[in-house]
């Protein structure tokens, strides 16, 4: 991928640089996570700029938000440099992808993260260098492949439950089916897919989830792109500014309705004043609107979604002291998925905090920018 992307960048023309790609040994890493694959070097006379290539899959806006919430690719350091703080010259991380969507490109640039795709679109920034190319079309036809059924509608619902409740992997298929409202047959093929992919193992006669950090990454993007639009009921607005400002005081029955997205993040980690409000409910929309003071509004800041799981069957989240607050929020994995779906700088930071503070198995070491 690095060689192909470098070739496409050379073909853009009139950049005034010599471009060299040197492949190196592929660093160990799980599938779907960034893997170091070599070095990209740009020359202009005696000047040279080096970029450490990290190969990723197709980058949508949601996938980019997910990666940024998990790893600091050096963007924060480059923002400091722009403000006048210098550092020792070193290779800058660059995400190398088969295709970077426009939404992903905008988010990565806003976060100061470099990227390059197989069509030659890029944002490369380091020291005195800034190269920005957009609008290039790939000449290669994408390979058609059928996605794993685990990452389609029913599978995405089930994976959420497995991530939210560790012991759920060992529950009966009937119990899991009733928990998230899918058929037992669907549970069977999803569990088989997860087993084949290495996310599920039988240890001592008991099924256990494995590689949760990678599974969370594999789940969050498809959840945002495929499942979430299907369970969205519509957009609404608070009737009156007071209700919006005092959203925490609104009476919710957590067995029927819970906060997702930014309100969930605020309940989970604090220090976040929500601008966008997500509500998951099993109650009729009209009843929720009446109880919480909402009115239909296509441009409203409140979205209502179907609560596709049984919160009582799934069980409480968090320590006993925090149970009252956390029971009003969706489980952390779903709050994380909502924030990935929002895919802006504010949501990226909130997702990172939820991940670090409530999904401790999903927090990898910080990326070394050297």
Protein backbone atom coordinates (compact mmCIF):
# COMPACT_ATOMS: atom_id res chain seq x y z
CA UNK A 1 0.00 0.00 0.00
CA UNK A 2 2.83 2.43 0.83
CA UNK A 3 4.54 1.83 -2.53
CA UNK A 4 1.26 2.26 -4.43
CA UNK A 5 0.33 5.45 -2.54
CA UNK A 6 3.81 6.95 -3.11
CA UNK A 7 3.55 6.18 -6.82
CA UNK A 8 0.14 7.88 -7.01
CA UNK A 9 1.55 10.95 -5.24
CA UNK A 10 4.41 11.17 -7.77
CA UNK A 11 1.84 11.11 -10.59
CA UNK A 12 -0.02 14.13 -9.16
CA UNK A 13 2.67 16.31 -10.79
CA UNK A 14 4.08 19.79 -10.14
CA UNK A 15 4.71 19.15 -6.47
CA UNK A 16 8.41 19.95 -6.77
CA UNK A 17 9.53 17.03 -4.62
CA UNK A 18 11.25 13.74 -5.10
CA UNK A 19 9.28 11.04 -3.33
CA UNK A 20 10.83 7.86 -1.99
CA UNK A 21 9.06 4.98 -0.26
CA UNK A 22 11.14 2.38 1.54
CA UNK A 23 9.24 -0.61 2.86
CA UNK A 24 10.38 -2.04 6.14
CA UNK A 25 9.48 -5.07 8.24
CA UNK A 26 5.81 -4.95 9.15
CA UNK A 27 5.44 -4.23 12.86
CA UNK A 28 3.43 -6.76 14.81
CA UNK A 29 -0.16 -5.71 15.32
CA UNK A 30 -3.72 -6.89 15.18
CA UNK A 31 -5.72 -6.75 11.96
CA UNK A 32 -7.55 -3.45 11.45
CA UNK A 33 -5.10 -1.57 13.71
CA UNK A 34 -2.35 0.74 12.33
CA UNK A 35 0.78 -1.20 11.38
CA UNK A 36 4.15 0.40 10.72
CA UNK A 37 5.17 -0.63 7.18
CA UNK A 38 8.07 1.62 6.19
CA UNK A 39 9.28 5.15 5.58
CA UNK A 40 8.08 7.86 3.18
CA UNK A 41 10.70 10.51 2.38
CA UNK A 42 10.23 13.76 0.44
CA UNK A 43 13.32 15.51 -1.01
CA UNK A 44 13.73 19.05 -2.29
CA UNK A 45 17.36 19.92 -2.91
CA UNK A 46 19.26 19.39 0.34
CA UNK A 47 16.05 19.34 2.38
CA UNK A 48 14.31 16.13 3.28
CA UNK A 49 11.26 15.27 5.34
CA UNK A 50 10.61 11.78 6.70
CA UNK A 51 7.26 10.19 7.53
CA UNK A 52 6.75 6.93 9.40
CA UNK A 53 4.09 5.02 7.43
CA UNK A 54 1.27 3.39 9.40
CA UNK A 55 -0.99 1.31 7.16
CA UNK A 56 -4.71 1.30 7.92
CA UNK A 57 -7.77 0.11 6.05
CA UNK A 58 -10.31 2.32 4.32
CA UNK A 59 -10.67 5.55 6.31
CA UNK A 60 -14.18 6.89 6.75
CA UNK A 61 -14.88 9.83 9.04
CA UNK A 62 -16.11 7.43 11.73
CA UNK A 63 -13.05 5.19 11.43
CA UNK A 64 -10.76 8.23 11.60
CA UNK A 65 -12.53 9.46 14.75
CA UNK A 66 -12.15 6.02 16.26
CA UNK A 67 -8.41 5.89 15.56
CA UNK A 68 -7.86 9.42 16.86
CA UNK A 69 -9.71 8.60 20.08
CA UNK A 70 -7.40 5.61 20.68
CA UNK A 71 -3.97 6.86 19.58
CA UNK A 72 -2.17 10.22 19.50
CA UNK A 73 -0.46 10.24 16.10
CA UNK A 74 1.55 13.32 16.97
CA UNK A 75 -1.03 15.93 16.00
CA UNK A 76 -0.97 17.55 19.44
CA UNK A 77 2.80 17.95 19.21
CA UNK A 78 2.57 19.53 15.74
CA UNK A 79 -0.02 21.98 17.03
CA UNK A 80 2.48 22.97 19.73
CA UNK A 81 5.13 23.45 17.04
CA UNK A 82 2.77 25.74 15.13
CA UNK A 83 2.41 27.79 18.32
CA UNK A 84 6.19 28.20 18.50
CA UNK A 85 7.34 25.22 20.55
CA UNK A 86 10.11 23.34 18.72
CA UNK A 87 11.24 19.76 19.07
CA UNK A 88 14.03 17.56 17.77
CA UNK A 89 13.57 16.57 14.10
CA UNK A 90 12.02 13.11 13.78
CA UNK A 91 9.89 11.03 11.44
CA UNK A 92 6.24 12.12 11.54
CA UNK A 93 3.53 9.41 11.59
CA UNK A 94 1.39 9.26 8.44
CA UNK A 95 -1.69 7.08 8.00
CA UNK A 96 -1.51 5.24 4.67
CA UNK A 97 -4.87 4.04 3.36
CA UNK A 98 -6.42 2.61 0.24
CA UNK A 99 -9.04 5.37 0.36
CA UNK A 100 -9.59 8.37 2.65
CA UNK A 101 -13.08 9.85 2.41
CA UNK A 102 -13.54 13.63 2.35
CA UNK A 103 -15.06 13.58 5.84
CA UNK A 104 -12.11 11.62 7.21
CA UNK A 105 -9.66 13.94 5.46
CA UNK A 106 -11.28 17.02 7.00
CA UNK A 107 -11.20 15.51 10.49
CA UNK A 108 -7.59 14.31 10.21
CA UNK A 109 -6.42 17.75 9.04
CA UNK A 110 -8.32 19.43 11.88
CA UNK A 111 -6.51 17.15 14.32
CA UNK A 112 -3.11 17.72 12.66
CA UNK A 113 -2.75 14.06 11.62
CA UNK A 114 -1.00 13.27 8.34
CA UNK A 115 -2.49 10.88 5.77
CA UNK A 116 -1.86 9.54 2.26
CA UNK A 117 -4.11 7.35 0.16
CA UNK A 118 -3.69 5.17 -2.92
CA UNK A 119 -5.01 7.91 -5.22
CA UNK A 120 -2.37 10.41 -4.05
CA UNK A 121 -4.66 12.49 -1.81
CA UNK A 122 -2.65 13.58 1.20
CA UNK A 123 -1.98 15.94 4.05
CA UNK A 124 1.73 15.86 4.89
CA UNK A 125 3.05 18.29 7.42
CA UNK A 126 6.40 18.32 9.18
CA UNK A 127 8.76 21.18 10.00
CA UNK A 128 8.74 23.64 7.06
CA UNK A 129 6.80 21.22 4.80
CA UNK A 130 3.09 21.31 4.01
CA UNK A 131 1.64 19.24 1.16
CA UNK A 132 -2.12 19.04 0.70
CA UNK A 133 -3.69 17.20 -2.23
CA UNK A 134 -7.39 16.44 -2.66
CA UNK A 135 -9.78 15.39 -5.41
CA UNK A 136 -7.60 12.63 -6.88
CA UNK A 137 -9.49 9.54 -8.07
CA UNK A 138 -8.14 6.04 -7.60
CA UNK A 139 -7.32 4.14 -10.80
CA UNK A 140 -7.67 0.73 -9.21
CA UNK A 141 -10.97 -1.08 -8.87
CA UNK A 142 -11.81 -1.98 -5.26
CA UNK A 143 -11.87 -5.68 -4.56
CA UNK A 144 -15.37 -6.91 -3.87
CA UNK A 145 -15.68 -8.91 -0.71
CA UNK A 146 -18.59 -9.84 1.45
CA UNK A 147 -18.31 -8.40 4.96
CA UNK A 148 -18.43 -10.73 7.91
CA UNK A 149 -22.00 -11.26 9.09
CA UNK A 150 -20.84 -10.44 12.60
CA UNK A 151 -20.52 -6.81 11.53
CA UNK A 152 -23.99 -6.49 10.03
CA UNK A 153 -27.20 -5.46 11.87
CA UNK A 154 -27.86 -8.44 14.16
CA UNK A 155 -24.18 -9.02 14.76
CA UNK A 156 -23.55 -5.40 15.71
CA UNK A 157 -26.31 -5.61 18.33
CA UNK A 158 -24.87 -8.80 19.80
CA UNK A 159 -21.27 -7.55 19.83
CA UNK A 160 -22.42 -4.47 21.76
CA UNK A 161 -23.81 -6.74 24.50
CA UNK A 162 -20.62 -8.81 24.60
CA UNK A 163 -18.51 -5.67 24.97
CA UNK A 164 -20.86 -4.19 27.58
CA UNK A 165 -21.00 -7.27 29.81
CA UNK A 166 -17.89 -9.47 29.99
CA UNK A 167 -19.65 -12.64 31.13
CA UNK A 168 -22.32 -12.40 28.41
CA UNK A 169 -20.12 -14.46 26.05
CA UNK A 170 -20.90 -17.49 28.20
CA UNK A 171 -24.69 -16.99 28.27
CA UNK A 172 -27.04 -19.29 26.38
CA UNK A 173 -27.99 -18.40 22.81
CA UNK A 174 -31.61 -18.00 23.90
CA UNK A 175 -30.67 -15.52 26.61
CA UNK A 176 -28.49 -13.51 24.20
CA UNK A 177 -31.20 -13.52 21.54
CA UNK A 178 -33.78 -12.15 24.00
CA UNK A 179 -31.29 -9.59 25.33
CA UNK A 180 -30.82 -7.76 22.01
CA UNK A 181 -33.95 -8.86 20.11
CA UNK A 182 -32.46 -11.10 17.42
CA UNK A 183 -33.06 -14.74 16.49
CA UNK A 184 -31.16 -17.64 18.04
CA UNK A 185 -30.02 -18.55 14.54
CA UNK A 186 -28.44 -15.11 14.17
CA UNK A 187 -26.69 -15.53 17.53
CA UNK A 188 -25.29 -18.82 16.27
CA UNK A 189 -23.75 -17.52 13.05
CA UNK A 190 -22.42 -14.36 14.72
CA UNK A 191 -20.74 -16.39 17.48
CA UNK A 192 -19.26 -18.68 14.83
CA UNK A 193 -17.90 -15.70 12.91
CA UNK A 194 -16.38 -14.27 16.11
CA UNK A 195 -14.82 -17.66 16.87
CA UNK A 196 -13.38 -17.90 13.36
CA UNK A 197 -11.95 -14.37 13.63
CA UNK A 198 -10.32 -15.17 16.97
CA UNK A 199 -12.54 -12.98 19.13
CA UNK A 200 -14.20 -15.87 20.94
CA UNK A 201 -12.60 -18.92 22.55
CA UNK A 202 -13.77 -21.76 24.71
CA UNK A 203 -11.64 -22.01 27.84
CA UNK A 204 -12.39 -24.67 30.43
CA UNK A 205 -15.72 -25.39 28.78
CA UNK A 206 -16.79 -21.72 28.92
CA UNK A 207 -16.98 -19.24 26.06
CA UNK A 208 -14.90 -16.10 26.62
CA UNK A 209 -14.41 -12.95 24.61
CA UNK A 210 -10.84 -12.29 23.44
CA UNK A 211 -9.00 -9.27 22.00
CA UNK A 212 -11.62 -6.79 23.17
CA UNK A 213 -9.64 -3.68 22.09
CA UNK A 214 -9.55 -4.86 18.48
CA UNK A 215 -13.18 -5.98 18.58
CA UNK A 216 -14.26 -2.54 19.84
CA UNK A 217 -12.41 -0.96 16.91
CA UNK A 218 -13.92 -3.40 14.41
CA UNK A 219 -17.41 -2.76 15.85
CA UNK A 220 -17.51 1.04 16.23
CA UNK A 221 -17.21 1.98 12.56
CA UNK A 222 -19.88 -0.41 11.21
CA UNK A 223 -22.14 0.50 14.15
CA UNK A 224 -21.96 4.17 13.15
CA UNK A 225 -22.37 3.51 9.43
CA UNK A 226 -24.82 0.58 9.29
CA UNK A 227 -26.81 0.05 12.47
CA UNK A 228 -27.18 3.53 13.91
CA UNK A 229 -29.03 5.04 10.90
CA UNK A 230 -31.54 2.17 11.06
CA UNK A 231 -32.43 2.69 14.72
CA UNK A 232 -32.63 6.50 14.52
CA UNK A 233 -36.24 7.66 15.00
CA UNK A 234 -35.68 11.35 14.29
CA UNK A 235 -34.40 14.75 15.44
CA UNK A 236 -36.03 16.86 18.15
CA UNK A 237 -35.46 20.03 20.14
CA UNK A 238 -35.99 20.96 23.77
CA UNK A 239 -38.98 23.22 24.33
CA UNK A 240 -37.33 26.06 26.21
CA UNK A 241 -33.68 26.75 27.08
CA UNK A 242 -34.23 25.83 30.73
CA UNK A 243 -34.95 22.18 29.95
CA UNK A 244 -31.78 21.94 27.88
CA UNK A 245 -29.65 23.53 30.58
CA UNK A 246 -31.15 21.28 33.25
CA UNK A 247 -31.14 18.03 31.25
CA UNK A 248 -29.56 16.13 34.16
CA UNK A 249 -32.63 16.83 36.28
CA UNK A 250 -35.07 15.40 33.73
CA UNK A 251 -36.81 12.31 35.07
CA UNK A 252 -35.77 9.20 33.15
CA UNK A 253 -36.78 5.63 33.82
CA UNK A 254 -33.42 3.91 33.07
CA UNK A 255 -35.19 0.62 32.43
CA UNK A 256 -36.86 2.30 29.43
CA UNK A 257 -34.75 5.31 28.43
CA UNK A 258 -31.06 6.17 28.78
CA UNK A 259 -28.76 8.96 27.66
CA UNK A 260 -26.24 8.18 24.92
CA UNK A 261 -23.58 10.22 23.12
CA UNK A 262 -22.40 13.45 24.77
CA UNK A 263 -24.78 13.30 27.77
CA UNK A 264 -23.61 9.73 28.48
CA UNK A 265 -19.99 10.88 28.24
CA UNK A 266 -20.71 13.71 30.68
CA UNK A 267 -22.32 11.27 33.12
CA UNK A 268 -19.41 8.87 32.72
CA UNK A 269 -16.38 11.17 32.78
CA UNK A 270 -17.74 14.66 33.59
CA UNK A 271 -16.43 18.04 32.37
CA UNK A 272 -18.41 17.95 29.14
CA UNK A 273 -21.32 20.29 28.51
CA UNK A 274 -23.37 18.49 25.83
CA UNK A 275 -24.20 20.28 22.60
CA UNK A 276 -25.85 17.22 21.04
CA UNK A 277 -28.16 14.90 22.94
CA UNK A 278 -28.80 11.22 22.20
CA UNK A 279 -31.63 9.28 23.83
CA UNK A 280 -32.09 5.52 23.56
CA UNK A 281 -35.59 4.41 24.47
CA UNK A 282 -38.05 1.51 24.41
CA UNK A 283 -40.94 3.92 24.95
CA UNK A 284 -43.16 5.47 22.29
CA UNK A 285 -41.63 8.62 20.82
CA UNK A 286 -44.66 10.75 21.64
CA UNK A 287 -44.48 9.71 25.28
CA UNK A 288 -40.77 10.54 25.52
CA UNK A 289 -41.39 13.95 23.96
CA UNK A 290 -44.23 14.66 26.39
CA UNK A 291 -42.25 13.61 29.46
CA UNK A 292 -39.01 15.41 28.56
CA UNK A 293 -40.41 18.46 26.78
CA UNK A 294 -39.28 17.75 23.22
CA UNK A 295 -40.72 18.76 19.86
CA UNK A 296 -39.91 17.48 16.35
CA UNK A 297 -37.23 19.60 14.67
CA UNK A 298 -35.09 18.51 11.71
CA UNK A 299 -32.30 20.76 12.96
CA UNK A 300 -32.79 19.94 16.64
CA UNK A 301 -29.97 18.97 18.98
CA UNK A 302 -31.75 15.87 20.31
CA UNK A 303 -31.90 12.52 18.53
CA UNK A 304 -34.09 9.65 19.67
CA UNK A 305 -32.99 6.09 18.87
CA UNK A 306 -34.41 2.63 19.50
CA UNK A 307 -33.08 0.94 22.61
CA UNK A 308 -32.46 -2.45 21.01
CA UNK A 309 -31.40 -4.20 24.22
CA UNK A 310 -33.03 -4.93 27.58
CA UNK A 311 -31.10 -2.77 30.11
CA UNK A 312 -32.32 -4.78 33.09
CA UNK A 313 -31.19 -8.05 31.52
CA UNK A 314 -27.84 -6.52 30.59
CA UNK A 315 -27.27 -5.34 34.13
CA UNK A 316 -25.82 -2.23 35.78
CA UNK A 317 -22.51 -0.68 34.83
CA UNK A 318 -19.78 0.69 37.08
CA UNK A 319 -19.06 0.83 40.80
CA UNK A 320 -21.84 0.95 43.37
CA UNK A 321 -21.18 4.61 44.24
CA UNK A 322 -21.69 5.64 40.63
CA UNK A 323 -24.54 3.27 39.77
CA UNK A 324 -27.27 5.89 40.03
CA UNK A 325 -25.56 8.17 37.48
CA UNK A 326 -24.30 5.41 35.21
CA UNK A 327 -27.67 3.68 35.06
CA UNK A 328 -29.00 6.83 33.37
CA UNK A 329 -26.39 6.45 30.64
CA UNK A 330 -25.98 3.71 28.07
CA UNK A 331 -23.03 1.33 28.68
CA UNK A 332 -19.62 2.90 27.93
CA UNK A 333 -19.06 0.87 24.75
CA UNK A 334 -22.22 2.34 23.21
CA UNK A 335 -21.39 5.87 24.38
CA UNK A 336 -18.03 5.39 22.66
CA UNK A 337 -19.76 4.25 19.47
CA UNK A 338 -22.06 7.30 19.53
CA UNK A 339 -19.09 9.65 19.88
CA UNK A 340 -17.26 7.93 17.02
CA UNK A 341 -20.41 8.46 14.92
CA UNK A 342 -20.42 12.19 15.78
CA UNK A 343 -16.82 12.34 14.43
CA UNK A 344 -15.69 15.85 15.32
CA UNK A 345 -12.78 17.03 17.43
CA UNK A 346 -14.92 17.47 20.53
CA UNK A 347 -16.35 13.95 20.21
CA UNK A 348 -12.91 12.45 19.56
CA UNK A 349 -11.61 13.80 22.86
CA UNK A 350 -14.72 12.63 24.75
CA UNK A 351 -14.43 9.16 23.15
CA UNK A 352 -10.80 8.98 24.23
CA UNK A 353 -11.74 9.72 27.83
CA UNK A 354 -14.58 7.19 27.88
CA UNK A 355 -12.22 4.61 26.43
CA UNK A 356 -9.45 5.29 28.93
CA UNK A 357 -11.61 5.59 32.04
CA UNK A 358 -14.33 2.97 31.43
CA UNK A 359 -12.97 0.56 28.82
CA UNK A 360 -9.58 -0.10 30.38
CA UNK A 361 -8.97 -3.20 28.26
CA UNK A 362 -9.31 -0.97 25.17
CA UNK A 363 -6.62 1.60 26.01
CA UNK A 364 -3.37 0.85 24.14
CA UNK A 365 -0.05 2.53 25.04
CA UNK A 366 0.39 6.04 23.69
CA UNK A 367 1.87 6.18 20.17
CA UNK A 368 5.53 7.29 20.26
CA UNK A 369 5.81 10.08 17.64
CA UNK A 370 9.52 9.44 17.09
